[in-house]
Amino acid sequence: MHIRIAQACDLPALLTLYEQARAFMRTAGNPTQWGSVYPAPERILADICGGNCRVFEENGTLLGVFSLFLGEDPTYVHMDEGAWRFDRPYGTIHRLAKTGSLPGFSRQCFDYCLTQCGYLR
């Protein structure tokens, strides 16, 4: 298995992967975080075109997806409570999803992201 930057031709497989993730979230008691349409195809394409979308691939099959953004993330500019531990350059992981056949996916994702940027939020 390897991680690579997603390409536009991956979009159909990614749409299926995200639908599976939304269905899992609904059955696991989290029906509202992504609702029924997040992330929209346009958001996924924007991640791909920006070079931020990564996929886990094995034998030509996409098993997982996430987007890694390096630099300031508008989502985290303002926090109502608390503070970040460090004020230094960082990366942010968004839109993490996987098939059911990928144990340890989150850990592999975080480990990969830490090789790209030493501090994650």
Foldseek 3Di string as FASTA:
>chain_A
DDKDQDDPVCLVLVVVQLQQQQVVCVVVPNNPPQHRQPPPSVVVVVLNVVSFKMFDDDPRHTFKIKGKDWADDPVPPDDPDDDDPDDDTEMEIDDITGDPPDPPVVVVVVVVVCVVPVHYD
